[in-house]
Amino acid sequence: MVIRKSIFFALPFLFSGILLADQPLTYDRINLSVSAGTEVENDMLVCVMYAQAEGNDASQLSQEINRSIGSAVDRAKRNPVVQLQTLDYSTTPIYRKQTLSGWRVRQSIRLESRDGAALSGLIGELQSSLAVGSISYTISPERLKASEDELIGKAIAAFTARARMVAAEMGRKGYRLVHMDVNTPGHFQQPVQVRGVAMAMREDAAPPALEAGSRRIEVNISATIELNP
């Protein structure tokens, strides 16, 4: 019994030694980080508008909102350079002193276009029946991808140059790449301060004055290299 027990406890150490022997030893590993960035012009305007009404008759309010949104959708669809999407629809009870006093019905639409002037004009028209919830400029997916692809190439070139420099300074003939992460910004929106966002619905509302501006985007590379002997 004693012999079997001692063998049983020795086996895990034996297997552990075998596993460690199978793992190659690593030396002279170095972590490097580089980045490449550029200013990219915003080329897409995005606006969220909404219709909202309050009252005692939820059904009547719903019909009113449906008419307002339906009319806005029909108008927006006539503009070929504007993309349209209907968003959330909600019916919310209103309480005063813990007593139901009415209902609030609301629905939003999202408008986007690369033609900022055309969308700005449409926003001005729709303000007779809808309110502006938010306006933002962003970079279109196509422009963002093209910029990212260019920056990835620049970042990899910078990484290669730095890795070679490190190897040379350490007196080594070269290196091998162990691991690399390439981080890109992805899609984003840049808020734009607009005079009177959440503007009241008015017949004489003027189109908002907007400037697209630019956004700095960066690609970051973090990698591990192993110097050659």
Protein backbone atom coordinates (compact mmCIF):
# COMPACT_ATOMS: atom_id res chain seq x y z
CA MET A 1 0.00 0.00 0.00
CA VAL A 2 2.80 2.42 0.87
CA ILE A 3 4.64 1.80 -2.38
CA ARG A 4 1.51 2.35 -4.48
CA LYS A 5 0.73 5.56 -2.67
CA SER A 6 4.21 7.01 -3.23
CA ILE A 7 4.04 6.14 -6.95
CA PHE A 8 0.64 7.78 -7.24
CA PHE A 9 1.95 11.08 -5.86
CA ALA A 10 5.06 10.94 -8.03
CA LEU A 11 3.12 10.66 -11.29
CA PRO A 12 1.86 14.29 -11.39
CA PHE A 13 5.45 15.53 -11.04
CA LEU A 14 6.53 13.16 -13.80
CA PHE A 15 3.81 14.35 -16.18
CA SER A 16 4.54 17.98 -15.26
CA GLY A 17 8.16 17.48 -16.19
CA ILE A 18 7.19 15.97 -19.53
CA LEU A 19 4.87 18.91 -20.30
CA LEU A 20 7.54 21.45 -19.40
CA ALA A 21 10.03 19.64 -21.61
CA ASP A 22 7.63 19.98 -24.55
CA GLN A 23 7.42 23.75 -24.15
CA PRO A 24 10.23 25.64 -25.91
CA LEU A 25 12.24 28.03 -23.79
CA THR A 26 11.90 31.70 -24.73
CA TYR A 27 14.52 34.42 -24.32
CA ASP A 28 15.04 38.05 -25.33
CA ARG A 29 11.41 38.94 -25.94
CA ILE A 30 10.64 42.65 -26.28
CA ASN A 31 7.28 44.46 -26.39
CA LEU A 32 6.94 47.32 -28.86
CA SER A 33 4.18 49.85 -29.54
CA VAL A 34 3.81 52.21 -32.50
CA SER A 35 1.01 54.34 -33.92
CA ALA A 36 0.09 56.26 -37.05
CA GLY A 37 -2.55 58.97 -37.28
CA THR A 38 -4.06 61.56 -39.57
CA GLU A 39 -6.85 64.15 -39.76
CA VAL A 40 -9.86 62.92 -41.75
CA GLU A 41 -12.63 65.20 -42.95
CA ASN A 42 -16.12 64.34 -41.70
CA ASP A 43 -18.24 63.59 -44.73
CA MET A 44 -21.59 62.41 -43.32
CA LEU A 45 -24.22 64.40 -41.44
CA VAL A 46 -26.58 62.52 -39.10
CA CYS A 47 -29.72 63.98 -37.56
CA VAL A 48 -32.31 62.45 -35.24
CA MET A 49 -35.73 64.15 -35.23
CA TYR A 50 -38.84 63.27 -33.29
CA ALA A 51 -42.55 63.92 -32.92
CA GLN A 52 -44.02 64.04 -29.42
CA ALA A 53 -47.46 64.78 -28.05
CA GLU A 54 -49.13 64.63 -24.65
CA GLY A 55 -52.79 64.29 -23.68
CA ASN A 56 -55.47 62.13 -22.14
CA ASP A 57 -56.35 59.98 -25.16
CA ALA A 58 -53.47 57.64 -26.03
CA SER A 59 -55.17 56.44 -29.21
CA GLN A 60 -55.68 59.96 -30.51
CA LEU A 61 -52.10 60.88 -29.63
CA SER A 62 -50.84 57.82 -31.48
CA GLN A 63 -52.74 58.83 -34.61
CA GLU A 64 -51.33 62.35 -34.38
CA ILE A 65 -47.76 61.08 -34.09
CA ASN A 66 -48.28 58.60 -36.92
CA ARG A 67 -49.47 61.42 -39.19
CA SER A 68 -46.49 63.62 -38.33
CA ILE A 69 -43.93 60.85 -38.80
CA GLY A 70 -45.65 59.52 -41.92
CA SER A 71 -45.60 62.95 -43.53
CA ALA A 72 -41.93 63.43 -42.64
CA VAL A 73 -41.01 60.01 -44.02
CA ASP A 74 -42.80 60.73 -47.30
CA ARG A 75 -40.98 64.05 -47.59
CA ALA A 76 -37.58 62.54 -46.79
CA LYS A 77 -38.02 59.71 -49.29
CA ARG A 78 -38.34 62.26 -52.08
CA ASN A 79 -34.74 63.29 -51.49
CA PRO A 80 -32.47 60.66 -53.12
CA VAL A 81 -29.30 61.72 -51.28
CA VAL A 82 -30.81 61.25 -47.80
CA GLN A 83 -31.04 57.87 -46.07
CA LEU A 84 -33.93 57.39 -43.67
CA GLN A 85 -34.57 55.07 -40.73
CA THR A 86 -37.50 55.07 -38.30
CA LEU A 87 -36.48 54.58 -34.69
CA ASP A 88 -38.13 53.96 -31.32
CA TYR A 89 -41.86 54.41 -30.75
CA SER A 90 -43.05 54.81 -27.18
CA THR A 91 -46.23 55.45 -25.22
CA THR A 92 -45.45 56.56 -21.65
CA PRO A 93 -47.90 57.23 -18.82
CA ILE A 94 -47.66 60.61 -17.08
CA TYR A 95 -48.24 60.70 -13.33
CA ARG A 96 -48.91 63.69 -11.15
CA LYS A 97 -49.07 63.12 -7.40
CA GLN A 98 -49.02 59.36 -8.02
CA THR A 99 -52.15 59.61 -10.17
CA LEU A 100 -52.30 58.89 -13.90
CA SER A 101 -52.93 62.24 -15.56
CA GLY A 102 -52.21 61.51 -19.21
CA TRP A 103 -49.98 59.95 -21.83
CA ARG A 104 -46.89 60.90 -23.78
CA VAL A 105 -46.39 59.41 -27.24
CA ARG A 106 -43.13 59.81 -29.13
CA GLN A 107 -41.38 58.46 -32.21
CA SER A 108 -38.05 59.33 -33.81
CA ILE A 109 -36.49 59.11 -37.25
CA ARG A 110 -32.82 59.09 -38.24
CA LEU A 111 -31.63 60.96 -41.31
CA GLU A 112 -28.14 60.79 -42.78
CA SER A 113 -26.47 62.09 -45.90
CA ARG A 114 -23.08 62.93 -47.35
CA ASP A 115 -24.68 66.06 -48.78
CA GLY A 116 -24.76 68.25 -45.70
CA ALA A 117 -26.45 71.15 -47.47
CA ALA A 118 -29.28 68.95 -48.74
CA LEU A 119 -29.89 67.38 -45.32
CA SER A 120 -29.67 70.75 -43.58
CA GLY A 121 -32.36 72.08 -45.90
CA LEU A 122 -34.55 69.03 -45.26
CA ILE A 123 -34.14 69.48 -41.50
CA GLY A 124 -35.38 73.05 -41.86
CA GLU A 125 -38.46 71.85 -43.73
CA LEU A 126 -39.27 69.08 -41.27
CA GLN A 127 -39.00 71.39 -38.26
CA SER A 128 -42.54 72.52 -38.97
CA SER A 129 -43.74 69.18 -37.60
CA LEU A 130 -40.75 67.55 -35.89
CA ALA A 131 -38.22 68.60 -33.27
CA VAL A 132 -34.47 68.08 -33.57
CA GLY A 133 -33.13 65.62 -31.02
CA SER A 134 -29.47 65.57 -32.07
CA ILE A 135 -27.18 66.44 -34.95
CA SER A 136 -23.72 64.97 -35.42
CA TYR A 137 -21.05 64.70 -38.05
CA THR A 138 -19.21 61.48 -38.65
CA ILE A 139 -16.93 59.79 -41.15
CA SER A 140 -18.61 57.47 -43.61
CA PRO A 141 -17.69 53.77 -43.31
CA GLU A 142 -16.05 53.82 -46.75
CA ARG A 143 -13.82 56.82 -45.97
CA LEU A 144 -13.00 55.45 -42.52
CA LYS A 145 -11.95 52.05 -43.93
CA ALA A 146 -9.78 53.65 -46.61
CA SER A 147 -8.08 55.83 -43.99
CA GLU A 148 -7.59 52.89 -41.65
CA ASP A 149 -6.07 50.75 -44.40
CA GLU A 150 -3.57 53.51 -45.23
CA LEU A 151 -2.70 54.01 -41.55
CA ILE A 152 -2.27 50.28 -40.95
CA GLY A 153 0.35 50.19 -43.71
CA LYS A 154 2.17 53.17 -42.19
CA ALA A 155 2.01 51.71 -38.68
CA ILE A 156 3.38 48.34 -39.79
CA ALA A 157 6.21 50.08 -41.64
CA ALA A 158 7.02 52.07 -38.49
CA PHE A 159 6.92 48.90 -36.40
CA THR A 160 9.24 47.06 -38.78
CA ALA A 161 11.74 49.91 -38.71
CA ARG A 162 11.68 50.09 -34.91
CA ALA A 163 12.01 46.32 -34.48
CA ARG A 164 15.04 46.26 -36.80
CA MET A 165 16.57 49.17 -34.91
CA VAL A 166 16.10 47.42 -31.56
CA ALA A 167 17.65 44.22 -32.89
CA ALA A 168 20.64 46.13 -34.31
CA GLU A 169 21.16 48.10 -31.08
CA MET A 170 21.13 44.83 -29.15
CA GLY A 171 23.75 43.39 -31.49
CA ARG A 172 21.42 40.80 -32.99
CA LYS A 173 21.04 39.78 -36.61
CA GLY A 174 17.28 40.02 -36.64
CA TYR A 175 14.07 39.07 -34.88
CA ARG A 176 10.94 37.03 -35.25
CA LEU A 177 7.41 38.27 -34.64
CA VAL A 178 5.72 36.48 -31.73
CA HIS A 179 2.44 38.38 -31.45
CA MET A 180 0.82 41.51 -32.89
CA ASP A 181 -2.38 43.46 -32.12
CA VAL A 182 -3.68 46.07 -34.59
CA ASN A 183 -6.21 48.45 -33.02
CA THR A 184 -8.38 50.70 -35.19
CA PRO A 185 -10.88 53.34 -34.03
CA GLY A 186 -13.93 51.73 -35.61
CA HIS A 187 -17.09 53.72 -36.33
CA PHE A 188 -17.85 56.81 -34.31
CA GLN A 189 -19.83 60.01 -34.31
CA GLN A 190 -18.55 63.45 -33.43
CA PRO A 191 -21.17 65.66 -31.74
CA VAL A 192 -21.71 69.10 -33.21
CA GLN A 193 -23.09 71.93 -31.10
CA VAL A 194 -26.15 73.19 -32.90
CA ARG A 195 -28.09 76.28 -31.94
CA GLY A 196 -31.25 75.08 -30.19
CA VAL A 197 -30.91 71.33 -30.47
CA ALA A 198 -34.24 69.84 -29.37
CA MET A 199 -35.64 72.93 -31.09
CA ALA A 200 -39.29 73.67 -30.75
CA MET A 201 -41.40 72.98 -33.82
CA ARG A 202 -41.91 76.23 -35.72
CA GLU A 203 -43.10 77.04 -39.17
CA ASP A 204 -40.36 79.67 -39.63
CA ALA A 205 -37.48 77.56 -38.29
CA ALA A 206 -34.33 78.14 -40.34
CA PRO A 207 -32.01 75.32 -41.42
CA PRO A 208 -29.19 74.88 -38.87
CA ALA A 209 -25.79 76.31 -39.80
CA LEU A 210 -23.26 73.46 -39.68
CA GLU A 211 -19.55 72.95 -40.28
CA ALA A 212 -18.31 69.42 -40.94
CA GLY A 213 -14.80 69.80 -39.52
CA SER A 214 -12.39 66.89 -39.23
CA ARG A 215 -11.52 64.12 -36.84
CA ARG A 216 -8.14 62.65 -35.98
CA ILE A 217 -8.02 58.89 -36.26
CA GLU A 218 -5.17 56.65 -35.19
CA VAL A 219 -4.11 53.05 -35.68
CA ASN A 220 -2.11 51.56 -32.82
CA ILE A 221 0.06 48.46 -33.04
CA SER A 222 1.36 46.57 -30.02
CA ALA A 223 3.55 43.54 -30.65
CA THR A 224 6.05 41.19 -29.13
CA ILE A 225 9.27 40.24 -30.90
CA GLU A 226 11.97 37.72 -30.03
CA LEU A 227 15.53 38.64 -30.93
CA ASN A 228 17.55 36.14 -32.92
CA PRO A 229 20.68 34.75 -31.22
